[in-house]
PDB file of N, CA and C in Angstrom:
ATOM      1  N   MET A   1     166.061 115.255 220.123  1.00  0.00           N
ATOM      2  CA  MET A   1     165.982 115.648 221.079  1.00  0.00           C
ATOM      3  C   MET A   1     164.429 116.086 222.548  1.00  0.00           C
ATOM      4  N   PRO A   2     165.703 115.635 223.553  1.00  0.00           N
ATOM      5  CA  PRO A   2     164.231 115.919 224.332  1.00  0.00           C
ATOM      6  C   PRO A   2     163.542 117.225 224.400  1.00  0.00           C
ATOM      7  N   ASP A   3     162.142 117.699 224.771  1.00  0.00           N
ATOM      8  CA  ASP A   3     161.901 118.884 225.035  1.00  0.00           C
ATOM      9  C   ASP A   3     160.806 119.051 226.456  1.00  0.00           C
ATOM     10  N   ILE A   4     161.067 119.743 227.265  1.00  0.00           N
ATOM     11  CA  ILE A   4     161.105 120.031 228.247  1.00  0.00           C
ATOM     12  C   ILE A   4     160.400 121.685 228.318  1.00  0.00           C
ATOM     13  N   ALA A   5     159.185 121.785 229.167  1.00  0.00           N
ATOM     14  CA  ALA A   5     158.305 122.568 229.621  1.00  0.00           C
ATOM     15  C   ALA A   5     158.663 124.024 230.152  1.00  0.00           C
ATOM     16  N   MET A   6     158.418 124.704 229.568  1.00  0.00           N
ATOM     17  CA  MET A   6     159.058 126.186 230.245  1.00  0.00           C
ATOM     18  C   MET A   6     158.103 126.473 231.070  1.00  0.00           C
ATOM     19  N   PRO A   7     158.556 127.354 232.143  1.00  0.00           N
ATOM     20  CA  PRO A   7     157.636 128.201 233.062  1.00  0.00           C
ATOM     21  C   PRO A   7     156.831 128.090 232.690  1.00  0.00           C
ATOM     22  N   ASN A   8     155.741 128.666 233.254  1.00  0.00           N
ATOM     23  CA  ASN A   8     154.645 129.848 233.060  1.00  0.00           C
ATOM     24  C   ASN A   8     154.295 129.529 231.624  1.00  0.00           C
ATOM     25  N   SER A   9     154.683 129.540 230.671  1.00  0.00           N
ATOM     26  CA  SER A   9     154.617 129.109 229.141  1.00  0.00           C
ATOM     27  C   SER A   9     154.189 127.639 228.897  1.00  0.00           C
ATOM     28  N   SER A  10     152.993 127.484 227.760  1.00  0.00           N
ATOM     29  CA  SER A  10     152.267 126.734 227.578  1.00  0.00           C
ATOM     30  C   SER A  10     152.704 125.901 226.581  1.00  0.00           C
ATOM     31  N   GLN A  11     154.677 126.651 225.641  1.00  0.00           N
ATOM     32  CA  GLN A  11     154.952 126.080 224.898  1.00  0.00           C
ATOM     33  C   GLN A  11     156.138 124.977 225.366  1.00  0.00           C
ATOM     34  N   THR A  12     156.573 123.992 223.949  1.00  0.00           N
ATOM     35  CA  THR A  12     158.167 123.657 225.155  1.00  0.00           C
ATOM     36  C   THR A  12     158.959 123.666 223.972  1.00  0.00           C
ATOM     37  N   GLN A  13     160.403 123.951 224.990  1.00  0.00           N
ATOM     38  CA  GLN A  13     161.745 124.047 224.435  1.00  0.00           C
ATOM     39  C   GLN A  13     162.784 123.201 224.468  1.00  0.00           C
ATOM     40  N   PRO A  14     163.509 122.642 222.948  1.00  0.00           N
ATOM     41  CA  PRO A  14     164.569 121.960 223.383  1.00  0.00           C
ATOM     42  C   PRO A  14     165.359 121.997 224.435  1.00  0.00           C
ATOM     43  N   ILE A  15     166.234 121.424 225.082  1.00  0.00           N
ATOM     44  CA  ILE A  15     166.619 121.819 226.343  1.00  0.00           C
ATOM     45  C   ILE A  15     168.085 122.540 226.263  1.00  0.00           C
ATOM     46  N   PHE A  16     168.704 122.058 224.883  1.00  0.00           N
ATOM     47  CA  PHE A  16     170.165 122.574 224.008  1.00  0.00           C
ATOM     48  C   PHE A  16     169.522 122.867 223.069  1.00  0.00           C
ATOM     49  N   SER A  17     170.634 123.119 222.600  1.00  0.00           N
ATOM     50  CA  SER A  17     170.508 123.658 220.750  1.00  0.00           C
ATOM     51  C   SER A  17     171.199 122.829 219.963  1.00  0.00           C
ATOM     52  N   ASP A  18     170.257 122.549 218.452  1.00  0.00           N
ATOM     53  CA  ASP A  18     170.701 121.817 217.818  1.00  0.00           C
ATOM     54  C   ASP A  18     172.275 122.313 217.782  1.00  0.00           C
ATOM     55  N   ASN A  19     172.837 123.017 217.524  1.00  0.00           N
ATOM     56  CA  ASN A  19     174.217 123.727 217.180  1.00  0.00           C
ATOM     57  C   ASN A  19     175.913 123.456 217.948  1.00  0.00           C
ATOM     58  N   LEU A  20     174.720 123.170 219.579  1.00  0.00           N
ATOM     59  CA  LEU A  20     176.070 121.988 220.475  1.00  0.00           C
ATOM     60  C   LEU A  20     176.127 120.414 220.156  1.00  0.00           C
ATOM     61  N   SER A  21     175.406 119.848 218.988  1.00  0.00           N
ATOM     62  CA  SER A  21     176.558 118.874 218.543  1.00  0.00           C
ATOM     63  C   SER A  21     177.454 119.030 218.334  1.00  0.00           C
ATOM     64  N   THR A  22     178.231 117.911 218.611  1.00  0.00           N
ATOM     65  CA  THR A  22     179.684 117.666 218.405  1.00  0.00           C
ATOM     66  C   THR A  22     179.850 117.658 216.790  1.00  0.00           C
ATOM     67  N   SER A  23     181.027 118.760 216.450  1.00  0.00           N
ATOM     68  CA  SER A  23     181.619 118.067 215.146  1.00  0.00           C
ATOM     69  C   SER A  23     183.342 117.809 215.177  1.00  0.00           C
ATOM     70  N   ARG A  24     183.695 117.755 214.125  1.00  0.00           N
ATOM     71  CA  ARG A  24     184.679 117.507 213.893  1.00  0.00           C
ATOM     72  C   ARG A  24     185.804 119.021 214.136  1.00  0.00           C
ATOM     73  N   THR A  25     185.229 120.080 213.682  1.00  0.00           N
ATOM     74  CA  THR A  25     185.624 121.752 213.955  1.00  0.00           C
ATOM     75  C   THR A  25     185.393 122.247 215.186  1.00  0.00           C
ATOM     76  N   ASP A  26     185.201 121.140 216.297  1.00  0.00           N
ATOM     77  CA  ASP A  26     184.951 121.737 217.237  1.00  0.00           C
ATOM     78  C   ASP A  26     185.929 121.563 218.259  1.00  0.00           C
ATOM     79  N   PRO A  27     186.160 122.670 218.497  1.00  0.00           N
ATOM     80  CA  PRO A  27     188.122 122.325 219.692  1.00  0.00           C
ATOM     81  C   PRO A  27     187.447 121.653 220.808  1.00  0.00           C
ATOM     82  N   CYS A  28     186.676 121.176 220.995  1.00  0.00           N
ATOM     83  CA  CYS A  28     185.658 120.669 222.815  1.00  0.00           C
ATOM     84  C   CYS A  28     186.093 119.069 222.068  1.00  0.00           C
ATOM     85  N   ALA A  29     185.901 119.239 221.075  1.00  0.00           N
ATOM     86  CA  ALA A  29     185.794 117.994 220.618  1.00  0.00           C
ATOM     87  C   ALA A  29     186.908 116.415 220.372  1.00  0.00           C
ATOM     88  N   GLU A  30     187.975 117.506 221.303  1.00  0.00           N
ATOM     89  CA  GLU A  30     189.181 116.433 221.007  1.00  0.00           C
ATOM     90  C   GLU A  30     189.514 116.131 222.856  1.00  0.00           C
ATOM     91  N   LEU A  31     188.648 117.002 223.540  1.00  0.00           N
ATOM     92  CA  LEU A  31     188.401 117.009 224.634  1.00  0.00           C
ATOM     93  C   LEU A  31     187.628 115.325 225.601  1.00  0.00           C
ATOM     94  N   THR A  32     188.297 115.019 226.845  1.00  0.00           N
ATOM     95  CA  THR A  32     187.775 113.897 226.869  1.00  0.00           C
ATOM     96  C   THR A  32     185.867 114.930 227.927  1.00  0.00           C
ATOM     97  N   THR A  33     184.678 114.188 228.064  1.00  0.00           N
ATOM     98  CA  THR A  33     184.119 114.602 229.048  1.00  0.00           C
ATOM     99  C   THR A  33     184.421 115.597 229.968  1.00  0.00           C
ATOM    100  N   GLN A  34     184.965 114.213 231.292  1.00  0.00           N
ATOM    101  CA  GLN A  34     185.834 114.912 232.073  1.00  0.00           C
ATOM    102  C   GLN A  34     186.397 116.310 232.290  1.00  0.00           C
ATOM    103  N   GLU A  35     187.435 116.320 230.703  1.00  0.00           N
ATOM    104  CA  GLU A  35     188.251 117.375 230.631  1.00  0.00           C
ATOM    105  C   GLU A  35     187.440 118.232 230.687  1.00  0.00           C
ATOM    106  N   LEU A  36     185.869 118.508 229.472  1.00  0.00           N
ATOM    107  CA  LEU A  36     185.478 119.432 229.491  1.00  0.00           C
ATOM    108  C   LEU A  36     184.663 119.556 231.002  1.00  0.00           C
ATOM    109  N   ALA A  37     184.205 118.929 231.631  1.00  0.00           N
ATOM    110  CA  ALA A  37     183.357 119.092 233.212  1.00  0.00           C
ATOM    111  C   ALA A  37     184.554 120.029 233.821  1.00  0.00           C
ATOM    112  N   GLN A  38     185.714 119.962 233.760  1.00  0.00           N
ATOM    113  CA  GLN A  38     187.256 120.269 234.471  1.00  0.00           C
ATOM    114  C   GLN A  38     186.997 122.093 234.209  1.00  0.00           C
ATOM    115  N   ALA A  39     186.819 121.789 232.934  1.00  0.00           N
ATOM    116  CA  ALA A  39     186.979 123.404 232.314  1.00  0.00           C
ATOM    117  C   ALA A  39     186.138 124.227 232.786  1.00  0.00           C
ATOM    118  N   LEU A  40     185.377 123.590 232.448  1.00  0.00           N
ATOM    119  CA  LEU A  40     183.794 124.444 232.827  1.00  0.00           C
ATOM    120  C   LEU A  40     183.808 124.557 234.716  1.00  0.00           C
ATOM    121  N   ALA A  41     184.082 123.707 235.729  1.00  0.00           N
ATOM    122  CA  ALA A  41     184.207 123.654 236.580  1.00  0.00           C
ATOM    123  C   ALA A  41     185.514 125.130 237.064  1.00  0.00           C
ATOM    124  N   ALA A  42     186.579 125.261 235.943  1.00  0.00           N
ATOM    125  CA  ALA A  42     187.267 125.927 236.212  1.00  0.00           C
ATOM    126  C   ALA A  42     186.308 127.467 235.847  1.00  0.00           C
ATOM    127  N   ARG A  43     186.210 127.614 234.655  1.00  0.00           N
ATOM    128  CA  ARG A  43     185.536 128.872 234.480  1.00  0.00           C
ATOM    129  C   ARG A  43     184.825 129.676 235.761  1.00  0.00           C
ATOM    130  N   LEU A  44     184.269 128.232 236.309  1.00  0.00           N
ATOM    131  CA  LEU A  44     182.866 128.843 237.530  1.00  0.00           C
ATOM    132  C   LEU A  44     183.315 129.402 238.151  1.00  0.00           C
ATOM    133  N   ALA A  45     184.496 128.886 238.845  1.00  0.00           N
ATOM    134  CA  ALA A  45     185.055 129.078 240.516  1.00  0.00           C
ATOM    135  C   ALA A  45     185.468 130.231 239.933  1.00  0.00           C
ATOM    136  N   ILE A  46     185.267 130.614 241.509  1.00  0.00           N
ATOM    137  CA  ILE A  46     185.446 132.220 241.884  1.00  0.00           C
ATOM    138  C   ILE A  46     186.839 132.472 242.492  1.00  0.00           C
ATOM    139  N   ALA A  47     186.794 133.073 241.617  1.00  0.00           N
ATOM    140  CA  ALA A  47     188.392 134.171 241.890  1.00  0.00           C
ATOM    141  C   ALA A  47     188.643 134.329 242.978  1.00  0.00           C
ATOM    142  N   PRO A  48     190.247 134.120 243.732  1.00  0.00           N
ATOM    143  CA  PRO A  48     190.587 134.938 244.859  1.00  0.00           C
ATOM    144  C   PRO A  48     190.078 136.389 244.832  1.00  0.00           C
ATOM    145  N   ASN A  49     190.310 136.612 244.018  1.00  0.00           N
ATOM    146  CA  ASN A  49     189.775 139.024 243.953  1.00  0.00           C
ATOM    147  C   ASN A  49     188.444 139.081 243.763  1.00  0.00           C
ATOM    148  N   ASP A  50     187.696 138.210 242.982  1.00  0.00           N
ATOM    149  CA  ASP A  50     186.266 138.331 243.297  1.00  0.00           C
ATOM    150  C   ASP A  50     185.397 137.609 244.282  1.00  0.00           C
ATOM    151  N   TRP A  51     185.913 136.895 245.256  1.00  0.00           N
ATOM    152  CA  TRP A  51     185.738 136.314 246.146  1.00  0.00           C
ATOM    153  C   TRP A  51     184.755 137.587 247.016  1.00  0.00           C
ATOM    154  N   HIS A  52     185.477 138.424 247.485  1.00  0.00           N
ATOM    155  CA  HIS A  52     184.565 139.412 248.161  1.00  0.00           C
ATOM    156  C   HIS A  52     182.740 139.845 247.474  1.00  0.00           C
ATOM    157  N   ARG A  53     183.436 140.214 246.344  1.00  0.00           N
ATOM    158  CA  ARG A  53     182.561 141.014 245.572  1.00  0.00           C
ATOM    159  C   ARG A  53     181.222 139.984 245.509  1.00  0.00           C
ATOM    160  N   LEU A  54     181.423 138.231 244.786  1.00  0.00           N
ATOM    161  CA  LEU A  54     180.398 137.297 244.691  1.00  0.00           C
ATOM    162  C   LEU A  54     180.158 136.091 246.286  1.00  0.00           C
ATOM    163  N   LYS A  55     180.647 136.294 247.105  1.00  0.00           N
ATOM    164  CA  LYS A  55     180.393 135.300 247.831  1.00  0.00           C
ATOM    165  C   LYS A  55     179.272 135.209 248.477  1.00  0.00           C
ATOM    166  N   ALA A  56     178.624 136.248 247.987  1.00  0.00           N
ATOM    167  CA  ALA A  56     176.756 135.897 248.693  1.00  0.00           C
ATOM    168  C   ALA A  56     175.856 135.744 246.848  1.00  0.00           C
ATOM    169  N   ASN A  57     176.316 136.218 245.975  1.00  0.00           N
ATOM    170  CA  ASN A  57     175.551 135.487 244.817  1.00  0.00           C
ATOM    171  C   ASN A  57     175.605 134.335 244.871  1.00  0.00           C
ATOM    172  N   ARG A  58     173.891 134.203 244.961  1.00  0.00           N
ATOM    173  CA  ARG A  58     173.100 132.903 244.699  1.00  0.00           C
ATOM    174  C   ARG A  58     173.803 131.971 243.332  1.00  0.00           C
ATOM    175  N   LYS A  59     173.601 132.822 242.113  1.00  0.00           N
ATOM    176  CA  LYS A  59     173.472 131.975 240.520  1.00  0.00           C
ATOM    177  C   LYS A  59     175.376 131.444 240.275  1.00  0.00           C
ATOM    178  N   ALA A  60     176.239 132.495 241.140  1.00  0.00           N
ATOM    179  CA  ALA A  60     177.441 132.295 241.068  1.00  0.00           C
ATOM    180  C   ALA A  60     177.654 130.959 242.131  1.00  0.00           C
ATOM    181  N   ARG A  61     177.577 131.242 243.399  1.00  0.00           N
ATOM    182  CA  ARG A  61     177.741 129.981 244.100  1.00  0.00           C
ATOM    183  C   ARG A  61     176.812 128.524 243.994  1.00  0.00           C
ATOM    184  N   ALA A  62     176.186 128.919 243.341  1.00  0.00           N
ATOM    185  CA  ALA A  62     175.103 126.932 242.593  1.00  0.00           C
ATOM    186  C   ALA A  62     175.736 127.013 241.742  1.00  0.00           C
ATOM    187  N   SER A  63     176.231 127.522 240.953  1.00  0.00           N
ATOM    188  CA  SER A  63     176.945 127.146 239.258  1.00  0.00           C
ATOM    189  C   SER A  63     178.541 126.715 239.800  1.00  0.00           C
ATOM    190  N   GLU A  64     178.630 127.237 240.454  1.00  0.00           N
ATOM    191  CA  GLU A  64     180.467 126.814 241.302  1.00  0.00           C
ATOM    192  C   GLU A  64     180.208 125.499 241.485  1.00  0.00           C
ATOM    193  N   GLN A  65     179.044 125.497 242.840  1.00  0.00           N
ATOM    194  CA  GLN A  65     179.238 123.990 243.407  1.00  0.00           C
ATOM    195  C   GLN A  65     178.556 123.073 242.350  1.00  0.00           C
ATOM    196  N   ALA A  66     177.964 123.281 241.280  1.00  0.00           N
ATOM    197  CA  ALA A  66     177.053 122.093 240.169  1.00  0.00           C
ATOM    198  C   ALA A  66     178.142 122.052 239.904  1.00  0.00           C
ATOM    199  N   ALA A  67     179.271 122.395 238.953  1.00  0.00           N
ATOM    200  CA  ALA A  67     180.063 122.187 238.022  1.00  0.00           C
ATOM    201  C   ALA A  67     181.223 121.392 238.357  1.00  0.00           C
ATOM    202  N   MET A  68     181.531 121.758 239.516  1.00  0.00           N
ATOM    203  CA  MET A  68     182.008 120.975 240.696  1.00  0.00           C
ATOM    204  C   MET A  68     181.519 119.278 240.735  1.00  0.00           C
ATOM    205  N   ALA A  69     180.273 119.794 240.938  1.00  0.00           N
ATOM    206  CA  ALA A  69     179.574 117.957 241.576  1.00  0.00           C
ATOM    207  C   ALA A  69     179.637 117.178 240.143  1.00  0.00           C
ATOM    208  N   LEU A  70     179.620 118.017 239.199  1.00  0.00           N
ATOM    209  CA  LEU A  70     179.422 117.205 237.395  1.00  0.00           C
ATOM    210  C   LEU A  70     180.988 116.120 238.013  1.00  0.00           C
ATOM    211  N   VAL A  71     182.186 117.334 238.394  1.00  0.00           N
ATOM    212  CA  VAL A  71     183.393 116.564 237.778  1.00  0.00           C
ATOM    213  C   VAL A  71     183.848 115.594 239.213  1.00  0.00           C
ATOM    214  N   TYR A  72     182.846 115.538 240.199  1.00  0.00           N
ATOM    215  CA  TYR A  72     183.242 114.509 240.761  1.00  0.00           C
ATOM    216  C   TYR A  72     182.440 113.478 240.459  1.00  0.00           C
ATOM    217  N   LEU A  73     181.248 113.688 239.806  1.00  0.00           N
ATOM    218  CA  LEU A  73     180.321 112.365 239.238  1.00  0.00           C
ATOM    219  C   LEU A  73     181.313 111.885 238.365  1.00  0.00           C
ATOM    220  N   LEU A  74     181.469 112.104 237.372  1.00  0.00           N
ATOM    221  CA  LEU A  74     182.493 111.742 236.468  1.00  0.00           C
ATOM    222  C   LEU A  74     183.479 111.142 236.507  1.00  0.00           C
ATOM    223  N   LYS A  75     184.367 111.372 238.295  1.00  0.00           N
ATOM    224  CA  LYS A  75     185.276 111.123 238.627  1.00  0.00           C
ATOM    225  C   LYS A  75     185.306 109.421 239.496  1.00  0.00           C
ATOM    226  N   ASP A  76     183.605 109.173 239.355  1.00  0.00           N
ATOM    227  CA  ASP A  76     183.105 108.414 239.920  1.00  0.00           C
ATOM    228  C   ASP A  76     182.918 108.717 241.871  1.00  0.00           C
ATOM    229  N   GLN A  77     182.789 109.461 241.867  1.00  0.00           N
ATOM    230  CA  GLN A  77     182.773 109.737 243.606  1.00  0.00           C
ATOM    231  C   GLN A  77     181.414 110.350 243.269  1.00  0.00           C
ATOM    232  N   PRO A  78     180.418 109.966 243.863  1.00  0.00           N
ATOM    233  CA  PRO A  78     178.587 109.919 244.104  1.00  0.00           C
ATOM    234  C   PRO A  78     178.786 110.771 245.511  1.00  0.00           C
ATOM    235  N   GLU A  79     179.930 110.580 245.981  1.00  0.00           N
ATOM    236  CA  GLU A  79     179.497 110.856 247.350  1.00  0.00           C
ATOM    237  C   GLU A  79     179.875 112.292 247.918  1.00  0.00           C
ATOM    238  N   GLU A  80     180.791 112.727 246.853  1.00  0.00           N
ATOM    239  CA  GLU A  80     181.323 114.409 247.017  1.00  0.00           C
ATOM    240  C   GLU A  80     180.235 115.161 245.768  1.00  0.00           C
ATOM    241  N   ALA A  81     180.782 114.688 244.731  1.00  0.00           N
ATOM    242  CA  ALA A  81     179.058 115.029 243.926  1.00  0.00           C
ATOM    243  C   ALA A  81     177.753 115.044 244.456  1.00  0.00           C
ATOM    244  N   LEU A  82     176.563 114.374 245.709  1.00  0.00           N
ATOM    245  CA  LEU A  82     176.260 114.862 246.005  1.00  0.00           C
ATOM    246  C   LEU A  82     176.208 115.831 247.519  1.00  0.00           C
ATOM    247  N   ALA A  83     177.741 116.157 247.601  1.00  0.00           N
ATOM    248  CA  ALA A  83     177.152 116.852 248.541  1.00  0.00           C
ATOM    249  C   ALA A  83     177.466 118.753 248.203  1.00  0.00           C
ATOM    250  N   ARG A  84     178.263 118.308 246.751  1.00  0.00           N
ATOM    251  CA  ARG A  84     178.737 119.252 246.399  1.00  0.00           C
ATOM    252  C   ARG A  84     176.833 119.603 245.755  1.00  0.00           C
ATOM    253  N   LEU A  85     175.947 118.865 245.331  1.00  0.00           N
ATOM    254  CA  LEU A  85     174.841 119.171 244.899  1.00  0.00           C
ATOM    255  C   LEU A  85     173.880 119.969 245.628  1.00  0.00           C
ATOM    256  N   GLN A  86     173.941 119.243 246.839  1.00  0.00           N
ATOM    257  CA  GLN A  86     173.248 119.957 247.720  1.00  0.00           C
ATOM    258  C   GLN A  86     173.909 121.239 248.190  1.00  0.00           C
ATOM    259  N   GLN A  87     175.036 121.569 247.945  1.00  0.00           N
ATOM    260  CA  GLN A  87     175.378 122.900 248.407  1.00  0.00           C
ATOM    261  C   GLN A  87     174.494 124.006 247.364  1.00  0.00           C
ATOM    262  N   ALA A  88     174.673 123.080 246.306  1.00  0.00           N
ATOM    263  CA  ALA A  88     174.531 124.341 245.294  1.00  0.00           C
ATOM    264  C   ALA A  88     172.922 124.286 245.138  1.00  0.00           C
ATOM    265  N   THR A  89     172.352 123.809 245.609  1.00  0.00           N
ATOM    266  CA  THR A  89     170.716 123.321 246.157  1.00  0.00           C
ATOM    267  C   THR A  89     170.425 124.421 247.127  1.00  0.00           C
ATOM    268  N   GLY A  90     171.001 124.730 247.715  1.00  0.00           N
ATOM    269  CA  GLY A  90     171.501 125.404 249.708  1.00  0.00           C
ATOM    270  C   GLY A  90     170.981 126.937 248.940  1.00  0.00           C
ATOM    271  N   TRP A  91     172.403 126.995 247.887  1.00  0.00           N
ATOM    272  CA  TRP A  91     172.587 128.594 247.096  1.00  0.00           C
ATOM    273  C   TRP A  91     171.114 129.031 246.180  1.00  0.00           C
ATOM    274  N   LEU A  92     170.690 128.013 245.847  1.00  0.00           N
ATOM    275  CA  LEU A  92     169.415 128.153 245.388  1.00  0.00           C
ATOM    276  C   LEU A  92     168.761 128.789 246.305  1.00  0.00           C
ATOM    277  N   ASP A  93     167.728 127.230 246.981  1.00  0.00           N
ATOM    278  CA  ASP A  93     166.203 127.746 247.830  1.00  0.00           C
ATOM    279  C   ASP A  93     166.911 128.783 249.237  1.00  0.00           C
ATOM    280  N   ARG A  94     167.609 129.174 248.679  1.00  0.00           N
ATOM    281  CA  ARG A  94     168.535 130.023 250.764  1.00  0.00           C
ATOM    282  C   ARG A  94     168.645 129.751 251.613  1.00  0.00           C
ATOM    283  N   SER A  95     168.266 128.580 251.275  1.00  0.00           N
ATOM    284  CA  SER A  95     168.657 127.452 252.778  1.00  0.00           C
ATOM    285  C   SER A  95     170.523 127.738 253.106  1.00  0.00           C
ATOM    286  N   ILE A  96     171.312 128.650 252.224  1.00  0.00           N
ATOM    287  CA  ILE A  96     172.947 128.065 253.198  1.00  0.00           C
ATOM    288  C   ILE A  96     172.613 129.800 252.955  1.00  0.00           C
ATOM    289  N   SER A  97     173.154 130.023 253.791  1.00  0.00           N
ATOM    290  CA  SER A  97     174.135 131.416 252.877  1.00  0.00           C
ATOM    291  C   SER A  97     175.597 132.086 253.297  1.00  0.00           C
ATOM    292  N   ALA A  98     176.542 132.979 252.609  1.00  0.00           N
ATOM    293  CA  ALA A  98     177.871 133.016 252.572  1.00  0.00           C
ATOM    294  C   ALA A  98     178.035 133.266 254.613  1.00  0.00           C
ATOM    295  N   PRO A  99     178.907 133.198 254.733  1.00  0.00           N
ATOM    296  CA  PRO A  99     179.660 133.194 256.221  1.00  0.00           C
ATOM    297  C   PRO A  99     180.164 134.513 256.297  1.00  0.00           C
ATOM    298  N   PRO A 100     180.490 135.024 257.303  1.00  0.00           N
ATOM    299  CA  PRO A 100     181.577 136.772 257.627  1.00  0.00           C
ATOM    300  C   PRO A 100     182.389 135.677 257.052  1.00  0.00           C
ATOM    301  N   CYS A 101     183.263 136.522 256.659  1.00  0.00           N
ATOM    302  CA  CYS A 101     185.175 136.757 256.457  1.00  0.00           C
ATOM    303  C   CYS A 101     185.598 136.709 257.880  1.00  0.00           C
ATOM    304  N   PRO A 102     186.213 135.107 257.487  1.00  0.00           N
ATOM    305  CA  PRO A 102     187.145 135.693 258.529  1.00  0.00           C
ATOM    306  C   PRO A 102     187.876 136.101 259.131  1.00  0.00           C
ATOM    307  N   THR A 103     188.524 136.836 258.309  1.00  0.00           N
ATOM    308  CA  THR A 103     190.054 137.813 258.066  1.00  0.00           C
ATOM    309  C   THR A 103     189.597 139.406 258.914  1.00  0.00           C
ATOM    310  N   HIS A 104     188.177 139.100 258.280  1.00  0.00           N
ATOM    311  CA  HIS A 104     187.338 140.430 259.329  1.00  0.00           C
ATOM    312  C   HIS A 104     186.811 140.897 260.726  1.00  0.00           C
ATOM    313  N   GLY A 105     186.670 141.740 261.294  1.00  0.00           N
ATOM    314  CA  GLY A 105     186.341 141.807 262.769  1.00  0.00           C
ATOM    315  C   GLY A 105     187.958 141.592 263.779  1.00  0.00           C
ATOM    316  N   ARG A 106     189.093 141.528 262.828  1.00  0.00           N
ATOM    317  CA  ARG A 106     189.679 140.996 264.111  1.00  0.00           C
ATOM    318  C   ARG A 106     190.885 142.419 264.955  1.00  0.00           C
TER     319      ARG A 106
END
């Protein structure tokens, strides 16, 4: 398992826990990589009921976009994946922000 240096730390830690290895009892073992990515994207997608509360939440928006990028990458659509990764990066580096709600101000 590769180690990475943690910011502001002199120690290295594994990226993933050894507990994440696939086993026959793991329900995820039956799913394809693409199905797992789609499930993650569905889990991280902002629901319509949560939109106003989370539309400016940078972590939520970046997570949503990064998960969708993985789905597109696994579907062999690198242009779409790159667009989603750029959106995720924009949320994280604060170069983009949520536009105003189109239904407000009418």
